[in-house]
Amino acid sequence: MEQQQRYDNLKMGERGAIVSIVAYICLSVRWLDIRFSEYHSVFKDWTCKRSLATLKTIPCTQDLENYRVPDVIDAWRVHMQRAGGLTGLEKAAQLIAQAKCSVGEQAAKKQKQI
């Protein structure tokens, strides 16, 4: 009986962890939709390395507007080994262009850390 109780407690603990992970993912997607809705047109999968490096270093569109393509590549290099290349240059240019014409909410300075 005691072993079954331990198993049930373990199962409930795993459920809690899974629920918190799913809540975090939903919160992140919602944050992107509100603050930078065009982000998904640049990165189809927001969990790829380049996308996560962008969110860690330059989470606000206001900050991104002041960057140039080499600046974005340098910011990615902190988190990635191969940040540049043809794909990197293309993604950086798309990201800056989308940030300049973003219609997302601009009051994200306080909540910018995901």
N, C-alpha and C. Protein backbone atom coordinates (compact mmCIF):
# COMPACT_ATOMS: atom_id res chain seq x y z
N MET A 1 0.82 -1.19 0.00
CA MET A 1 0.00 0.00 0.00
C MET A 1 0.87 1.27 0.00
N GLU A 2 1.93 1.25 0.75
CA GLU A 2 2.82 2.40 0.85
C GLU A 2 3.49 2.69 -0.49
N GLN A 3 3.85 1.64 -1.20
CA GLN A 3 4.48 1.80 -2.50
C GLN A 3 3.50 2.43 -3.50
N GLN A 4 2.26 2.05 -3.47
CA GLN A 4 1.24 2.63 -4.35
C GLN A 4 1.06 4.12 -4.05
N GLN A 5 1.10 4.47 -2.79
CA GLN A 5 0.95 5.88 -2.40
C GLN A 5 2.14 6.70 -2.92
N ARG A 6 3.34 6.17 -2.82
CA ARG A 6 4.51 6.86 -3.34
C ARG A 6 4.40 7.05 -4.85
N TYR A 7 3.94 6.03 -5.53
CA TYR A 7 3.76 6.10 -6.99
C TYR A 7 2.74 7.18 -7.34
N ASP A 8 1.64 7.23 -6.61
CA ASP A 8 0.61 8.25 -6.87
C ASP A 8 1.17 9.65 -6.63
N ASN A 9 1.96 9.81 -5.56
CA ASN A 9 2.57 11.12 -5.30
C ASN A 9 3.53 11.52 -6.41
N LEU A 10 4.31 10.54 -6.88
CA LEU A 10 5.24 10.80 -7.97
C LEU A 10 4.50 11.19 -9.24
N LYS A 11 3.41 10.49 -9.51
CA LYS A 11 2.61 10.77 -10.70
C LYS A 11 2.02 12.18 -10.63
N MET A 12 1.54 12.58 -9.47
CA MET A 12 0.98 13.92 -9.32
C MET A 12 2.07 14.99 -9.46
N GLY A 13 3.29 14.69 -8.97
CA GLY A 13 4.40 15.62 -9.12
C GLY A 13 4.77 15.82 -10.57
N GLU A 14 4.78 14.74 -11.35
CA GLU A 14 5.07 14.84 -12.78
C GLU A 14 3.99 15.64 -13.49
N ARG A 15 2.76 15.43 -13.10
CA ARG A 15 1.65 16.18 -13.71
C ARG A 15 1.82 17.67 -13.45
N GLY A 16 2.20 18.02 -12.23
CA GLY A 16 2.42 19.43 -11.90
C GLY A 16 3.53 20.05 -12.71
N ALA A 17 4.59 19.29 -12.92
CA ALA A 17 5.71 19.79 -13.72
C ALA A 17 5.29 19.99 -15.17
N ILE A 18 4.55 19.05 -15.70
CA ILE A 18 4.08 19.15 -17.09
C ILE A 18 3.14 20.33 -17.25
N VAL A 19 2.25 20.53 -16.30
CA VAL A 19 1.31 21.66 -16.36
C VAL A 19 2.06 22.98 -16.33
N SER A 20 3.10 23.08 -15.50
CA SER A 20 3.85 24.34 -15.43
C SER A 20 4.64 24.58 -16.71
N ILE A 21 5.16 23.53 -17.34
CA ILE A 21 5.88 23.69 -18.61
C ILE A 21 4.92 24.15 -19.71
N VAL A 22 3.76 23.54 -19.78
CA VAL A 22 2.77 23.93 -20.79
C VAL A 22 2.31 25.37 -20.55
N ALA A 23 2.14 25.75 -19.30
CA ALA A 23 1.74 27.13 -18.99
C ALA A 23 2.81 28.11 -19.43
N TYR A 24 4.08 27.77 -19.22
CA TYR A 24 5.18 28.62 -19.64
C TYR A 24 5.21 28.78 -21.17
N ILE A 25 4.99 27.68 -21.87
CA ILE A 25 4.98 27.73 -23.33
C ILE A 25 3.83 28.62 -23.83
N CYS A 26 2.65 28.44 -23.26
CA CYS A 26 1.49 29.26 -23.66
C CYS A 26 1.73 30.73 -23.36
N LEU A 27 2.34 31.02 -22.22
CA LEU A 27 2.64 32.40 -21.86
C LEU A 27 3.63 33.02 -22.84
N SER A 28 4.64 32.25 -23.24
CA SER A 28 5.63 32.75 -24.18
C SER A 28 5.02 33.04 -25.55
N VAL A 29 4.19 32.12 -26.03
CA VAL A 29 3.53 32.32 -27.33
C VAL A 29 2.60 33.53 -27.27
N ARG A 30 1.87 33.67 -26.18
CA ARG A 30 0.97 34.82 -26.02
C ARG A 30 1.76 36.13 -26.00
N TRP A 31 2.89 36.12 -25.28
CA TRP A 31 3.74 37.31 -25.20
C TRP A 31 4.21 37.71 -26.60
N LEU A 32 4.63 36.73 -27.39
CA LEU A 32 5.07 37.03 -28.76
C LEU A 32 3.92 37.56 -29.60
N ASP A 33 2.74 36.97 -29.47
CA ASP A 33 1.59 37.41 -30.26
C ASP A 33 1.21 38.85 -29.94
N ILE A 34 1.31 39.23 -28.68
CA ILE A 34 0.92 40.59 -28.29
C ILE A 34 2.01 41.60 -28.61
N ARG A 35 3.26 41.30 -28.27
CA ARG A 35 4.34 42.28 -28.38
C ARG A 35 4.99 42.34 -29.76
N PHE A 36 5.05 41.20 -30.46
CA PHE A 36 5.76 41.16 -31.75
C PHE A 36 5.08 40.10 -32.61
N SER A 37 3.89 40.43 -33.09
CA SER A 37 3.06 39.45 -33.81
C SER A 37 3.70 39.01 -35.13
N GLU A 38 4.59 39.80 -35.69
CA GLU A 38 5.25 39.44 -36.94
C GLU A 38 6.42 38.46 -36.74
N TYR A 39 6.73 38.15 -35.52
CA TYR A 39 7.87 37.27 -35.20
C TYR A 39 7.72 35.91 -35.86
N HIS A 40 6.49 35.41 -35.92
CA HIS A 40 6.25 34.09 -36.49
C HIS A 40 6.44 34.07 -38.02
N SER A 41 6.43 35.23 -38.65
CA SER A 41 6.70 35.25 -40.09
C SER A 41 8.20 35.14 -40.36
N VAL A 42 9.03 35.47 -39.38
CA VAL A 42 10.48 35.32 -39.53
C VAL A 42 10.91 33.93 -39.08
N PHE A 43 10.46 33.53 -37.90
CA PHE A 43 10.80 32.21 -37.35
C PHE A 43 9.54 31.36 -37.30
N LYS A 44 9.47 30.35 -38.14
CA LYS A 44 8.31 29.46 -38.14
C LYS A 44 8.22 28.69 -36.82
N ASP A 45 9.39 28.29 -36.29
CA ASP A 45 9.46 27.57 -35.01
C ASP A 45 10.17 28.49 -34.02
N TRP A 46 9.43 29.01 -33.05
CA TRP A 46 10.02 29.97 -32.12
C TRP A 46 10.97 29.31 -31.12
N THR A 47 11.05 27.97 -31.12
CA THR A 47 11.94 27.29 -30.20
C THR A 47 13.28 26.90 -30.84
N CYS A 48 13.54 27.32 -32.07
CA CYS A 48 14.83 27.01 -32.68
C CYS A 48 15.93 27.86 -32.02
N LYS A 49 17.18 27.46 -32.21
CA LYS A 49 18.30 28.12 -31.52
C LYS A 49 18.38 29.61 -31.84
N ARG A 50 18.24 29.94 -33.10
CA ARG A 50 18.36 31.35 -33.50
C ARG A 50 17.25 32.19 -32.89
N SER A 51 16.05 31.65 -32.85
CA SER A 51 14.91 32.36 -32.27
C SER A 51 15.10 32.57 -30.77
N LEU A 52 15.51 31.53 -30.08
CA LEU A 52 15.73 31.65 -28.63
C LEU A 52 16.87 32.60 -28.32
N ALA A 53 17.91 32.61 -29.16
CA ALA A 53 19.01 33.56 -28.97
C ALA A 53 18.51 34.99 -29.15
N THR A 54 17.60 35.20 -30.09
CA THR A 54 17.02 36.52 -30.29
C THR A 54 16.22 36.95 -29.07
N LEU A 55 15.38 36.05 -28.56
CA LEU A 55 14.55 36.38 -27.41
C LEU A 55 15.37 36.64 -26.16
N LYS A 56 16.51 35.98 -26.03
CA LYS A 56 17.36 36.20 -24.87
C LYS A 56 18.09 37.53 -24.92
N THR A 57 18.55 37.92 -26.10
CA THR A 57 19.37 39.12 -26.20
C THR A 57 18.61 40.38 -26.61
N ILE A 58 17.62 40.24 -27.48
CA ILE A 58 16.90 41.41 -28.00
C ILE A 58 15.39 41.12 -27.95
N PRO A 59 14.78 41.12 -26.79
CA PRO A 59 13.37 40.71 -26.72
C PRO A 59 12.36 41.79 -27.14
N CYS A 60 12.78 43.04 -27.24
CA CYS A 60 11.82 44.11 -27.57
C CYS A 60 12.02 44.61 -29.00
N THR A 61 10.92 44.91 -29.64
CA THR A 61 11.01 45.45 -31.00
C THR A 61 11.65 46.83 -31.01
N GLN A 62 11.44 47.60 -29.94
CA GLN A 62 12.05 48.93 -29.88
C GLN A 62 13.57 48.83 -29.89
N ASP A 63 14.12 47.84 -29.18
CA ASP A 63 15.56 47.64 -29.18
C ASP A 63 16.05 47.15 -30.53
N LEU A 64 15.29 46.31 -31.16
CA LEU A 64 15.69 45.70 -32.42
C LEU A 64 15.71 46.71 -33.56
N GLU A 65 14.90 47.74 -33.47
CA GLU A 65 14.86 48.76 -34.53
C GLU A 65 16.19 49.48 -34.69
N ASN A 66 16.96 49.57 -33.60
CA ASN A 66 18.23 50.30 -33.63
C ASN A 66 19.40 49.42 -34.08
N TYR A 67 19.17 48.13 -34.25
CA TYR A 67 20.23 47.20 -34.63
C TYR A 67 20.41 47.18 -36.14
N ARG A 68 21.64 46.84 -36.56
CA ARG A 68 21.93 46.55 -37.96
C ARG A 68 22.14 45.05 -38.06
N VAL A 69 22.21 44.52 -39.27
CA VAL A 69 22.36 43.08 -39.47
C VAL A 69 23.61 42.53 -38.76
N PRO A 70 24.79 43.17 -38.88
CA PRO A 70 25.96 42.63 -38.16
C PRO A 70 25.79 42.65 -36.64
N ASP A 71 25.05 43.64 -36.13
CA ASP A 71 24.81 43.70 -34.68
C ASP A 71 23.97 42.52 -34.21
N VAL A 72 22.97 42.17 -34.99
CA VAL A 72 22.12 41.03 -34.64
C VAL A 72 22.92 39.73 -34.68
N ILE A 73 23.76 39.59 -35.69
CA ILE A 73 24.61 38.40 -35.81
C ILE A 73 25.55 38.31 -34.60
N ASP A 74 26.14 39.44 -34.20
CA ASP A 74 27.02 39.45 -33.03
C ASP A 74 26.25 39.08 -31.76
N ALA A 75 25.02 39.53 -31.64
CA ALA A 75 24.20 39.17 -30.48
C ALA A 75 23.89 37.67 -30.47
N TRP A 76 23.67 37.10 -31.63
CA TRP A 76 23.42 35.66 -31.72
C TRP A 76 24.66 34.84 -31.39
N ARG A 77 25.85 35.37 -31.72
CA ARG A 77 27.09 34.62 -31.51
C ARG A 77 27.33 34.29 -30.04
N VAL A 78 26.75 35.05 -29.14
CA VAL A 78 26.89 34.76 -27.71
C VAL A 78 26.26 33.41 -27.38
N HIS A 79 25.18 33.06 -28.08
CA HIS A 79 24.43 31.84 -27.79
C HIS A 79 24.59 30.74 -28.84
N MET A 80 25.19 31.06 -29.98
CA MET A 80 25.31 30.10 -31.08
C MET A 80 26.74 30.07 -31.60
N GLN A 81 27.16 28.92 -32.11
CA GLN A 81 28.49 28.82 -32.69
C GLN A 81 28.51 29.34 -34.12
N ARG A 82 27.47 29.00 -34.89
CA ARG A 82 27.42 29.40 -36.30
C ARG A 82 26.24 30.34 -36.51
N ALA A 83 26.39 31.56 -36.06
CA ALA A 83 25.29 32.51 -36.11
C ALA A 83 25.14 33.18 -37.47
N GLY A 84 26.23 33.35 -38.18
CA GLY A 84 26.20 34.06 -39.45
C GLY A 84 25.77 33.17 -40.59
N GLY A 85 26.46 33.31 -41.70
CA GLY A 85 26.12 32.53 -42.88
C GLY A 85 24.98 33.17 -43.65
N LEU A 86 24.62 32.53 -44.73
CA LEU A 86 23.57 33.06 -45.59
C LEU A 86 22.22 33.10 -44.89
N THR A 87 21.88 32.03 -44.21
CA THR A 87 20.60 31.98 -43.49
C THR A 87 20.57 33.02 -42.37
N GLY A 88 21.68 33.16 -41.65
CA GLY A 88 21.74 34.13 -40.56
C GLY A 88 21.57 35.56 -41.04
N LEU A 89 22.23 35.90 -42.12
CA LEU A 89 22.10 37.25 -42.68
C LEU A 89 20.67 37.51 -43.13
N GLU A 90 20.08 36.51 -43.77
CA GLU A 90 18.72 36.65 -44.26
C GLU A 90 17.72 36.81 -43.10
N LYS A 91 17.87 35.97 -42.08
CA LYS A 91 16.96 36.04 -40.93
C LYS A 91 17.13 37.36 -40.18
N ALA A 92 18.37 37.83 -40.03
CA ALA A 92 18.60 39.09 -39.34
C ALA A 92 17.95 40.25 -40.09
N ALA A 93 18.08 40.26 -41.41
CA ALA A 93 17.47 41.33 -42.22
C ALA A 93 15.95 41.27 -42.13
N GLN A 94 15.38 40.06 -42.19
CA GLN A 94 13.92 39.91 -42.06
C GLN A 94 13.45 40.39 -40.69
N LEU A 95 14.19 40.01 -39.65
CA LEU A 95 13.81 40.36 -38.29
C LEU A 95 13.80 41.87 -38.09
N ILE A 96 14.83 42.54 -38.58
CA ILE A 96 14.89 44.00 -38.45
C ILE A 96 13.78 44.67 -39.24
N ALA A 97 13.53 44.19 -40.45
CA ALA A 97 12.45 44.77 -41.27
C ALA A 97 11.09 44.58 -40.60
N GLN A 98 10.85 43.41 -40.04
CA GLN A 98 9.57 43.17 -39.37
C GLN A 98 9.44 43.99 -38.09
N ALA A 99 10.54 44.20 -37.39
CA ALA A 99 10.50 45.00 -36.15
C ALA A 99 10.19 46.46 -36.45
N LYS A 100 10.67 46.96 -37.58
CA LYS A 100 10.43 48.36 -37.93
C LYS A 100 8.97 48.63 -38.27
N CYS A 101 8.28 47.62 -38.79
CA CYS A 101 6.88 47.83 -39.15
C CYS A 101 5.95 47.03 -38.23
N SER A 102 6.41 46.73 -37.03
CA SER A 102 5.62 45.92 -36.10
C SER A 102 4.40 46.69 -35.60
N VAL A 103 3.30 45.97 -35.46
CA VAL A 103 2.08 46.56 -34.92
C VAL A 103 1.82 46.08 -33.50
N GLY A 104 2.79 45.38 -32.92
CA GLY A 104 2.66 44.85 -31.57
C GLY A 104 2.65 45.95 -30.53
N GLU A 105 2.22 45.59 -29.35
CA GLU A 105 2.16 46.54 -28.24
C GLU A 105 3.57 47.02 -27.90
N GLN A 106 3.73 48.31 -27.69
CA GLN A 106 5.04 48.89 -27.45
C GLN A 106 5.40 49.00 -25.97
N ALA A 107 4.50 48.69 -25.08
CA ALA A 107 4.74 48.82 -23.64
C ALA A 107 5.30 47.54 -23.05
N ALA A 108 6.37 47.03 -23.65
CA ALA A 108 6.90 45.73 -23.22
C ALA A 108 8.21 45.86 -22.45
N LYS A 109 8.64 47.04 -22.12
CA LYS A 109 9.93 47.21 -21.46
C LYS A 109 9.99 46.49 -20.11
N LYS A 110 8.91 46.55 -19.33
CA LYS A 110 8.93 45.94 -18.00
C LYS A 110 8.81 44.43 -18.06
N GLN A 111 8.15 43.90 -19.10
CA GLN A 111 7.90 42.46 -19.19
C GLN A 111 8.77 41.81 -20.25
N LYS A 112 9.86 42.41 -20.63
CA LYS A 112 10.60 41.90 -21.78
C LYS A 112 11.35 40.61 -21.53
N GLN A 113 11.65 40.27 -20.30
CA GLN A 113 12.37 39.03 -20.04
C GLN A 113 11.42 37.85 -19.98
N ILE A 114 11.61 36.90 -20.87
CA ILE A 114 10.76 35.71 -20.92
C ILE A 114 11.36 34.64 -20.06
